[in-house]
Amino acid sequence: MWNHDLSVLRKAANKAFLKSYKSKLEQDWQAHHAARRAFTKELRHSKRESWQDFCAKTEGASDTSRVYKLLDKSNTAPRGMLKLPSGQYTTTLEESYKHLLETHFPGCKLVSNDNNCSSTITSTSAGTKWVPSTSWHVAATVVTPDRIRWAIGTTAPLKLQG
């Protein structure tokens, strides 16, 4: 697709742009637009020629099927098909979501938002929410009064924390 002629035309268009940008003359802008049009026209011609060459070189069924797959708009594989540790594949989007959450957030659990839930859990449109397991021991080792003093002390004036 890319060739020497395109390189020459692109350089000419860029030079014409720089010249017109510096001089601000109407004739230089017209020269720039003409050079840009010539480059774009040659680029389209080169792309079309490259595609025609590619299609002409497809000989076997595998090449033709590859082109068909490229041009096919419909998606044959349903979304959400993930391989489970058991070797089976997920069949629904909900199953895929659950597997992704269990894989990437192993300490989380699914909590239902019924009326008997605690007030700290907010409702979602789906009615359920993934809540991380609360381990206050880990939080206590990460967030200490000394670290909080250090974070506040190292913040520059007029800088927002976070």
N, C-alpha and C. Protein backbone atom coordinates (compact mmCIF):
# COMPACT_ATOMS: atom_id res chain seq x y z
N MET A 1 0.83 -1.18 0.00
CA MET A 1 0.00 0.00 0.00
C MET A 1 0.88 1.25 0.00
N TRP A 2 1.77 1.39 0.95
CA TRP A 2 2.61 2.58 1.01
C TRP A 2 3.74 2.43 0.01
N ASN A 3 4.01 3.48 -0.74
CA ASN A 3 5.06 3.41 -1.75
C ASN A 3 5.83 4.73 -1.80
N HIS A 4 6.79 4.79 -2.69
CA HIS A 4 7.66 5.97 -2.79
C HIS A 4 6.87 7.21 -3.24
N ASP A 5 5.93 7.02 -4.16
CA ASP A 5 5.13 8.16 -4.63
C ASP A 5 4.35 8.79 -3.48
N LEU A 6 3.79 7.96 -2.61
CA LEU A 6 3.05 8.49 -1.46
C LEU A 6 3.97 9.27 -0.53
N SER A 7 5.17 8.76 -0.32
CA SER A 7 6.12 9.48 0.54
C SER A 7 6.46 10.85 -0.02
N VAL A 8 6.68 10.91 -1.33
CA VAL A 8 7.03 12.18 -1.98
C VAL A 8 5.85 13.15 -1.88
N LEU A 9 4.64 12.67 -2.15
CA LEU A 9 3.46 13.53 -2.09
C LEU A 9 3.18 14.01 -0.66
N ARG A 10 3.41 13.15 0.29
CA ARG A 10 3.18 13.54 1.68
C ARG A 10 4.18 14.62 2.12
N LYS A 11 5.44 14.43 1.75
CA LYS A 11 6.44 15.45 2.08
C LYS A 11 6.12 16.78 1.42
N ALA A 12 5.67 16.72 0.17
CA ALA A 12 5.32 17.96 -0.54
C ALA A 12 4.14 18.65 0.13
N ALA A 13 3.14 17.88 0.56
CA ALA A 13 1.98 18.46 1.23
C ALA A 13 2.38 19.08 2.56
N ASN A 14 3.26 18.41 3.29
CA ASN A 14 3.71 18.95 4.58
C ASN A 14 4.54 20.23 4.39
N LYS A 15 5.39 20.24 3.38
CA LYS A 15 6.18 21.44 3.12
C LYS A 15 5.27 22.60 2.71
N ALA A 16 4.26 22.29 1.89
CA ALA A 16 3.33 23.34 1.47
C ALA A 16 2.55 23.87 2.66
N PHE A 17 2.21 22.99 3.60
CA PHE A 17 1.51 23.46 4.79
C PHE A 17 2.38 24.39 5.62
N LEU A 18 3.62 24.00 5.84
CA LEU A 18 4.51 24.85 6.63
C LEU A 18 4.72 26.22 5.97
N LYS A 19 4.86 26.20 4.66
CA LYS A 19 5.05 27.46 3.93
C LYS A 19 3.81 28.35 4.05
N SER A 20 2.64 27.75 3.88
CA SER A 20 1.40 28.53 3.96
C SER A 20 1.12 28.99 5.38
N TYR A 21 1.48 28.19 6.36
CA TYR A 21 1.27 28.56 7.76
C TYR A 21 2.13 29.75 8.14
N LYS A 22 3.36 29.75 7.65
CA LYS A 22 4.27 30.86 7.97
C LYS A 22 3.93 32.14 7.20
N SER A 23 3.58 31.99 5.92
CA SER A 23 3.35 33.18 5.10
C SER A 23 1.94 33.72 5.22
N LYS A 24 0.97 32.87 5.51
CA LYS A 24 -0.45 33.24 5.64
C LYS A 24 -1.02 33.83 4.35
N LEU A 25 -0.38 33.54 3.21
CA LEU A 25 -0.87 34.03 1.93
C LEU A 25 -1.90 33.04 1.36
N GLU A 26 -2.91 33.58 0.68
CA GLU A 26 -3.98 32.76 0.12
C GLU A 26 -3.46 31.81 -0.95
N GLN A 27 -2.52 32.27 -1.77
CA GLN A 27 -1.99 31.41 -2.83
C GLN A 27 -1.20 30.23 -2.25
N ASP A 28 -0.53 30.43 -1.12
CA ASP A 28 0.19 29.33 -0.48
C ASP A 28 -0.80 28.32 0.11
N TRP A 29 -1.92 28.83 0.67
CA TRP A 29 -2.94 27.91 1.21
C TRP A 29 -3.57 27.10 0.08
N GLN A 30 -3.78 27.71 -1.05
CA GLN A 30 -4.33 26.98 -2.20
C GLN A 30 -3.35 25.92 -2.68
N ALA A 31 -2.07 26.25 -2.67
CA ALA A 31 -1.06 25.26 -3.06
C ALA A 31 -1.02 24.11 -2.06
N HIS A 32 -1.17 24.43 -0.79
CA HIS A 32 -1.21 23.38 0.23
C HIS A 32 -2.41 22.46 0.02
N HIS A 33 -3.59 23.05 -0.21
CA HIS A 33 -4.79 22.24 -0.42
C HIS A 33 -4.66 21.37 -1.67
N ALA A 34 -4.06 21.89 -2.72
CA ALA A 34 -3.86 21.11 -3.94
C ALA A 34 -2.90 19.94 -3.68
N ALA A 35 -1.84 20.21 -2.95
CA ALA A 35 -0.88 19.15 -2.63
C ALA A 35 -1.52 18.08 -1.74
N ARG A 36 -2.32 18.53 -0.79
CA ARG A 36 -3.01 17.59 0.11
C ARG A 36 -4.01 16.74 -0.66
N ARG A 37 -4.75 17.38 -1.60
CA ARG A 37 -5.70 16.62 -2.42
C ARG A 37 -4.99 15.58 -3.27
N ALA A 38 -3.85 15.93 -3.83
CA ALA A 38 -3.08 15.00 -4.66
C ALA A 38 -2.61 13.80 -3.82
N PHE A 39 -2.15 14.08 -2.60
CA PHE A 39 -1.71 13.01 -1.72
C PHE A 39 -2.88 12.10 -1.35
N THR A 40 -4.03 12.68 -0.98
CA THR A 40 -5.19 11.89 -0.59
C THR A 40 -5.70 11.04 -1.75
N LYS A 41 -5.71 11.62 -2.95
CA LYS A 41 -6.16 10.88 -4.13
C LYS A 41 -5.24 9.69 -4.41
N GLU A 42 -3.95 9.91 -4.32
CA GLU A 42 -3.01 8.82 -4.56
C GLU A 42 -3.10 7.76 -3.47
N LEU A 43 -3.34 8.18 -2.24
CA LEU A 43 -3.49 7.23 -1.14
C LEU A 43 -4.71 6.34 -1.36
N ARG A 44 -5.83 6.93 -1.74
CA ARG A 44 -7.05 6.14 -2.02
C ARG A 44 -6.81 5.18 -3.17
N HIS A 45 -6.15 5.67 -4.21
CA HIS A 45 -5.83 4.81 -5.36
C HIS A 45 -4.95 3.64 -4.94
N SER A 46 -3.97 3.93 -4.12
CA SER A 46 -3.05 2.88 -3.65
C SER A 46 -3.78 1.84 -2.79
N LYS A 47 -4.67 2.30 -1.92
CA LYS A 47 -5.43 1.38 -1.09
C LYS A 47 -6.34 0.49 -1.94
N ARG A 48 -7.01 1.10 -2.90
CA ARG A 48 -7.90 0.34 -3.77
C ARG A 48 -7.12 -0.70 -4.56
N GLU A 49 -5.98 -0.30 -5.08
CA GLU A 49 -5.15 -1.22 -5.85
C GLU A 49 -4.63 -2.36 -4.97
N SER A 50 -4.24 -2.04 -3.76
CA SER A 50 -3.76 -3.07 -2.83
C SER A 50 -4.86 -4.06 -2.49
N TRP A 51 -6.09 -3.57 -2.29
CA TRP A 51 -7.21 -4.47 -1.98
C TRP A 51 -7.53 -5.36 -3.18
N GLN A 52 -7.48 -4.80 -4.38
CA GLN A 52 -7.75 -5.59 -5.57
C GLN A 52 -6.69 -6.66 -5.76
N ASP A 53 -5.43 -6.33 -5.48
CA ASP A 53 -4.36 -7.33 -5.57
C ASP A 53 -4.56 -8.44 -4.55
N PHE A 54 -4.96 -8.07 -3.34
CA PHE A 54 -5.19 -9.06 -2.30
C PHE A 54 -6.32 -10.01 -2.70
N CYS A 55 -7.41 -9.46 -3.21
CA CYS A 55 -8.54 -10.29 -3.62
C CYS A 55 -8.19 -11.17 -4.82
N ALA A 56 -7.37 -10.66 -5.72
CA ALA A 56 -6.99 -11.44 -6.90
C ALA A 56 -6.08 -12.61 -6.52
N LYS A 57 -5.32 -12.46 -5.45
CA LYS A 57 -4.38 -13.51 -5.06
C LYS A 57 -5.01 -14.61 -4.22
N THR A 58 -6.26 -14.42 -3.79
CA THR A 58 -6.92 -15.47 -3.00
C THR A 58 -7.26 -16.62 -3.94
N GLU A 59 -6.69 -17.78 -3.67
CA GLU A 59 -6.86 -18.91 -4.56
C GLU A 59 -7.68 -20.03 -3.94
N GLY A 60 -7.36 -20.39 -2.71
CA GLY A 60 -8.02 -21.53 -2.09
C GLY A 60 -9.24 -21.14 -1.29
N ALA A 61 -9.89 -22.15 -0.77
CA ALA A 61 -11.09 -21.92 0.04
C ALA A 61 -10.74 -21.22 1.35
N SER A 62 -9.56 -21.51 1.90
CA SER A 62 -9.20 -20.89 3.17
C SER A 62 -9.00 -19.39 3.02
N ASP A 63 -8.37 -18.96 1.93
CA ASP A 63 -8.19 -17.53 1.70
C ASP A 63 -9.52 -16.83 1.48
N THR A 64 -10.39 -17.47 0.71
CA THR A 64 -11.69 -16.88 0.44
C THR A 64 -12.53 -16.81 1.71
N SER A 65 -12.46 -17.84 2.54
CA SER A 65 -13.22 -17.82 3.78
C SER A 65 -12.68 -16.76 4.73
N ARG A 66 -11.37 -16.53 4.68
CA ARG A 66 -10.80 -15.48 5.52
C ARG A 66 -11.32 -14.11 5.10
N VAL A 67 -11.42 -13.87 3.79
CA VAL A 67 -11.96 -12.62 3.29
C VAL A 67 -13.44 -12.51 3.69
N TYR A 68 -14.17 -13.63 3.59
CA TYR A 68 -15.58 -13.62 3.95
C TYR A 68 -15.75 -13.28 5.43
N LYS A 69 -14.90 -13.83 6.28
CA LYS A 69 -14.98 -13.53 7.71
C LYS A 69 -14.67 -12.06 7.99
N LEU A 70 -13.73 -11.49 7.23
CA LEU A 70 -13.40 -10.08 7.40
C LEU A 70 -14.59 -9.19 7.05
N LEU A 71 -15.31 -9.57 6.00
CA LEU A 71 -16.39 -8.73 5.51
C LEU A 71 -17.73 -9.03 6.16
N ASP A 72 -17.84 -10.15 6.85
CA ASP A 72 -19.10 -10.54 7.45
C ASP A 72 -19.44 -9.62 8.61
N LYS A 73 -20.64 -9.07 8.60
CA LYS A 73 -21.05 -8.15 9.64
C LYS A 73 -21.61 -8.87 10.86
N SER A 74 -22.20 -10.04 10.65
CA SER A 74 -22.80 -10.74 11.79
C SER A 74 -21.72 -11.42 12.61
N ASN A 75 -21.93 -11.45 13.89
CA ASN A 75 -20.98 -12.08 14.80
C ASN A 75 -21.52 -13.46 15.17
N THR A 76 -20.81 -14.52 14.77
CA THR A 76 -21.33 -15.87 14.97
C THR A 76 -21.13 -16.36 16.40
N ALA A 77 -20.10 -15.90 17.07
CA ALA A 77 -19.86 -16.34 18.45
C ALA A 77 -20.64 -15.46 19.41
N PRO A 78 -21.46 -16.06 20.28
CA PRO A 78 -22.21 -15.25 21.23
C PRO A 78 -21.27 -14.62 22.25
N ARG A 79 -21.64 -13.45 22.70
CA ARG A 79 -20.81 -12.78 23.69
C ARG A 79 -20.90 -13.50 25.03
N GLY A 80 -19.85 -13.45 25.77
CA GLY A 80 -19.85 -14.03 27.10
C GLY A 80 -19.39 -15.46 27.15
N MET A 81 -18.81 -15.98 26.07
CA MET A 81 -18.34 -17.36 26.08
C MET A 81 -16.96 -17.40 26.70
N LEU A 82 -16.91 -17.79 27.98
CA LEU A 82 -15.65 -17.90 28.70
C LEU A 82 -15.47 -19.33 29.15
N LYS A 83 -14.24 -19.77 29.16
CA LYS A 83 -13.94 -21.14 29.60
C LYS A 83 -13.80 -21.16 31.12
N LEU A 84 -14.59 -22.00 31.75
CA LEU A 84 -14.56 -22.15 33.20
C LEU A 84 -13.43 -23.08 33.60
N PRO A 85 -13.01 -23.07 34.86
CA PRO A 85 -11.95 -23.99 35.30
C PRO A 85 -12.33 -25.46 35.11
N SER A 86 -13.62 -25.76 35.08
CA SER A 86 -14.06 -27.14 34.89
C SER A 86 -13.90 -27.60 33.45
N GLY A 87 -13.61 -26.67 32.52
CA GLY A 87 -13.45 -27.03 31.13
C GLY A 87 -14.67 -26.70 30.30
N GLN A 88 -15.79 -26.43 30.94
CA GLN A 88 -17.01 -26.06 30.23
C GLN A 88 -16.98 -24.56 29.93
N TYR A 89 -17.90 -24.14 29.07
CA TYR A 89 -18.00 -22.73 28.72
C TYR A 89 -19.25 -22.13 29.34
N THR A 90 -19.20 -20.82 29.60
CA THR A 90 -20.37 -20.15 30.14
C THR A 90 -21.44 -20.08 29.06
N THR A 91 -22.69 -20.10 29.48
CA THR A 91 -23.79 -20.08 28.51
C THR A 91 -24.57 -18.78 28.53
N THR A 92 -24.50 -18.02 29.61
CA THR A 92 -25.22 -16.76 29.70
C THR A 92 -24.27 -15.63 30.09
N LEU A 93 -24.72 -14.42 29.87
CA LEU A 93 -23.91 -13.27 30.26
C LEU A 93 -23.76 -13.20 31.77
N GLU A 94 -24.82 -13.52 32.51
CA GLU A 94 -24.74 -13.48 33.97
C GLU A 94 -23.69 -14.46 34.48
N GLU A 95 -23.66 -15.64 33.86
CA GLU A 95 -22.66 -16.64 34.24
C GLU A 95 -21.25 -16.12 33.95
N SER A 96 -21.09 -15.43 32.83
CA SER A 96 -19.79 -14.86 32.46
C SER A 96 -19.37 -13.78 33.44
N TYR A 97 -20.33 -12.91 33.81
CA TYR A 97 -20.04 -11.85 34.77
C TYR A 97 -19.61 -12.44 36.11
N LYS A 98 -20.34 -13.46 36.53
CA LYS A 98 -20.03 -14.08 37.81
C LYS A 98 -18.64 -14.71 37.79
N HIS A 99 -18.31 -15.38 36.69
CA HIS A 99 -16.98 -15.99 36.57
C HIS A 99 -15.88 -14.93 36.57
N LEU A 100 -16.10 -13.83 35.85
CA LEU A 100 -15.10 -12.75 35.82
C LEU A 100 -14.91 -12.15 37.21
N LEU A 101 -15.99 -11.91 37.91
CA LEU A 101 -15.87 -11.34 39.26
C LEU A 101 -15.18 -12.30 40.21
N GLU A 102 -15.51 -13.60 40.12
CA GLU A 102 -14.86 -14.57 41.00
C GLU A 102 -13.38 -14.72 40.67
N THR A 103 -13.02 -14.57 39.40
CA THR A 103 -11.62 -14.71 38.99
C THR A 103 -10.79 -13.50 39.40
N HIS A 104 -11.32 -12.30 39.14
CA HIS A 104 -10.54 -11.09 39.38
C HIS A 104 -10.71 -10.51 40.78
N PHE A 105 -11.79 -10.84 41.44
CA PHE A 105 -12.04 -10.38 42.80
C PHE A 105 -12.44 -11.58 43.66
N PRO A 106 -11.46 -12.43 43.99
CA PRO A 106 -11.79 -13.70 44.65
C PRO A 106 -12.40 -13.56 46.03
N GLY A 107 -12.21 -12.46 46.74
CA GLY A 107 -12.76 -12.33 48.08
C GLY A 107 -14.17 -11.78 48.12
N CYS A 108 -14.74 -11.47 46.96
CA CYS A 108 -16.06 -10.85 46.93
C CYS A 108 -17.16 -11.90 47.04
N LYS A 109 -18.33 -11.43 47.48
CA LYS A 109 -19.48 -12.31 47.56
C LYS A 109 -20.69 -11.57 47.04
N LEU A 110 -21.67 -12.32 46.55
CA LEU A 110 -22.88 -11.74 46.00
C LEU A 110 -23.86 -11.50 47.12
N VAL A 111 -24.32 -10.26 47.26
CA VAL A 111 -25.26 -9.87 48.31
C VAL A 111 -26.54 -9.43 47.64
N SER A 112 -27.66 -9.95 48.11
CA SER A 112 -28.96 -9.58 47.55
C SER A 112 -29.45 -8.32 48.24
N ASN A 113 -30.09 -7.44 47.48
CA ASN A 113 -30.60 -6.18 48.02
C ASN A 113 -32.08 -6.32 48.36
N ASP A 114 -32.41 -7.14 49.29
CA ASP A 114 -33.79 -7.28 49.75
C ASP A 114 -34.04 -6.27 50.86
N ASN A 115 -35.26 -6.26 51.37
CA ASN A 115 -35.59 -5.33 52.45
C ASN A 115 -34.88 -5.65 53.74
N ASN A 116 -34.46 -6.92 53.91
CA ASN A 116 -33.81 -7.30 55.16
C ASN A 116 -32.31 -7.05 55.15
N CYS A 117 -31.79 -6.42 54.11
CA CYS A 117 -30.36 -6.13 54.05
C CYS A 117 -30.05 -4.91 54.91
N SER A 118 -28.78 -4.77 55.23
CA SER A 118 -28.38 -3.63 56.05
C SER A 118 -28.48 -2.34 55.23
N SER A 119 -28.54 -1.22 55.91
CA SER A 119 -28.75 0.05 55.23
C SER A 119 -27.51 0.54 54.52
N THR A 120 -26.36 -0.06 54.75
CA THR A 120 -25.13 0.40 54.11
C THR A 120 -25.03 -0.08 52.67
N ILE A 121 -25.80 -1.07 52.31
CA ILE A 121 -25.74 -1.57 50.94
C ILE A 121 -26.75 -0.80 50.11
N THR A 122 -26.29 -0.18 49.05
CA THR A 122 -27.19 0.58 48.19
C THR A 122 -27.79 -0.35 47.14
N SER A 123 -28.96 0.01 46.68
CA SER A 123 -29.61 -0.84 45.69
C SER A 123 -29.05 -0.54 44.31
N THR A 124 -29.05 -1.56 43.48
CA THR A 124 -28.62 -1.43 42.10
C THR A 124 -29.76 -1.82 41.20
N SER A 125 -29.61 -1.57 39.92
CA SER A 125 -30.69 -1.88 38.99
C SER A 125 -30.90 -3.39 38.89
N ALA A 126 -29.87 -4.18 39.07
CA ALA A 126 -29.99 -5.63 38.95
C ALA A 126 -30.52 -6.25 40.23
N GLY A 127 -30.49 -5.55 41.34
CA GLY A 127 -31.00 -6.09 42.60
C GLY A 127 -29.94 -6.79 43.42
N THR A 128 -28.77 -7.03 42.86
CA THR A 128 -27.68 -7.66 43.60
C THR A 128 -26.43 -6.83 43.43
N LYS A 129 -25.49 -7.02 44.33
CA LYS A 129 -24.27 -6.22 44.29
C LYS A 129 -23.12 -7.06 44.80
N TRP A 130 -21.96 -6.91 44.17
CA TRP A 130 -20.76 -7.59 44.63
C TRP A 130 -20.11 -6.73 45.69
N VAL A 131 -19.90 -7.31 46.86
CA VAL A 131 -19.31 -6.58 47.97
C VAL A 131 -18.00 -7.27 48.34
N PRO A 132 -16.90 -6.51 48.45
CA PRO A 132 -15.64 -7.14 48.83
C PRO A 132 -15.70 -7.62 50.28
N SER A 133 -14.94 -8.69 50.52
CA SER A 133 -14.90 -9.17 51.90
C SER A 133 -14.16 -8.14 52.75
N THR A 134 -14.68 -7.88 53.93
CA THR A 134 -14.07 -6.86 54.79
C THR A 134 -13.09 -7.53 55.73
N SER A 135 -11.85 -7.16 55.57
CA SER A 135 -10.81 -7.67 56.44
C SER A 135 -10.18 -6.44 57.11
N TRP A 136 -10.66 -6.12 58.31
CA TRP A 136 -10.16 -4.94 59.01
C TRP A 136 -8.73 -5.11 59.46
N HIS A 137 -8.27 -6.34 59.57
CA HIS A 137 -6.87 -6.58 59.93
C HIS A 137 -5.95 -6.06 58.83
N VAL A 138 -6.32 -6.34 57.56
CA VAL A 138 -5.52 -5.86 56.43
C VAL A 138 -5.58 -4.34 56.35
N ALA A 139 -6.78 -3.78 56.56
CA ALA A 139 -6.93 -2.33 56.51
C ALA A 139 -6.12 -1.65 57.60
N ALA A 140 -6.08 -2.26 58.77
CA ALA A 140 -5.33 -1.67 59.89
C ALA A 140 -3.83 -1.68 59.63
N THR A 141 -3.34 -2.65 58.88
CA THR A 141 -1.90 -2.68 58.57
C THR A 141 -1.54 -1.71 57.46
N VAL A 142 -2.50 -1.42 56.59
CA VAL A 142 -2.22 -0.52 55.47
C VAL A 142 -2.39 0.94 55.88
N VAL A 143 -3.46 1.25 56.58
CA VAL A 143 -3.75 2.63 56.97
C VAL A 143 -3.45 2.78 58.46
N THR A 144 -2.37 3.48 58.74
CA THR A 144 -1.98 3.72 60.12
C THR A 144 -1.94 5.23 60.36
N PRO A 145 -2.00 5.66 61.62
CA PRO A 145 -1.91 7.11 61.90
C PRO A 145 -0.62 7.73 61.37
N ASP A 146 0.50 6.99 61.45
CA ASP A 146 1.76 7.53 60.93
C ASP A 146 1.68 7.76 59.42
N ARG A 147 1.08 6.82 58.69
CA ARG A 147 0.97 6.97 57.24
C ARG A 147 0.03 8.11 56.87
N ILE A 148 -1.00 8.31 57.65
CA ILE A 148 -1.91 9.42 57.38
C ILE A 148 -1.20 10.75 57.62
N ARG A 149 -0.41 10.85 58.73
CA ARG A 149 0.36 12.06 58.99
C ARG A 149 1.36 12.31 57.87
N TRP A 150 2.02 11.25 57.41
CA TRP A 150 2.98 11.39 56.31
C TRP A 150 2.29 11.90 55.05
N ALA A 151 1.13 11.33 54.69
CA ALA A 151 0.41 11.74 53.47
C ALA A 151 0.00 13.20 53.54
N ILE A 152 -0.48 13.62 54.70
CA ILE A 152 -0.90 15.02 54.86
C ILE A 152 0.31 15.94 54.85
N GLY A 153 1.40 15.52 55.50
CA GLY A 153 2.61 16.35 55.58
C GLY A 153 3.32 16.50 54.25
N THR A 154 3.22 15.54 53.37
CA THR A 154 3.93 15.62 52.09
C THR A 154 3.10 16.29 50.99
N THR A 155 1.88 16.65 51.31
CA THR A 155 1.03 17.31 50.33
C THR A 155 1.45 18.77 50.22
N ALA A 156 1.72 19.19 49.01
CA ALA A 156 2.14 20.58 48.78
C ALA A 156 0.96 21.52 48.96
N PRO A 157 1.23 22.80 49.22
CA PRO A 157 0.14 23.76 49.35
C PRO A 157 -0.68 23.84 48.07
N LEU A 158 -1.96 24.01 48.19
CA LEU A 158 -2.91 24.12 47.08
C LEU A 158 -2.99 22.85 46.24
N LYS A 159 -2.51 21.74 46.75
CA LYS A 159 -2.62 20.47 46.04
C LYS A 159 -3.74 19.66 46.70
N LEU A 160 -4.59 19.09 45.88
CA LEU A 160 -5.70 18.31 46.40
C LEU A 160 -5.21 16.93 46.81
N GLN A 161 -5.74 16.43 47.88
CA GLN A 161 -5.38 15.09 48.33
C GLN A 161 -6.12 14.08 47.46
N GLY A 162 -5.50 12.91 47.30
CA GLY A 162 -6.19 11.86 46.56
C GLY A 162 -5.38 11.31 45.53
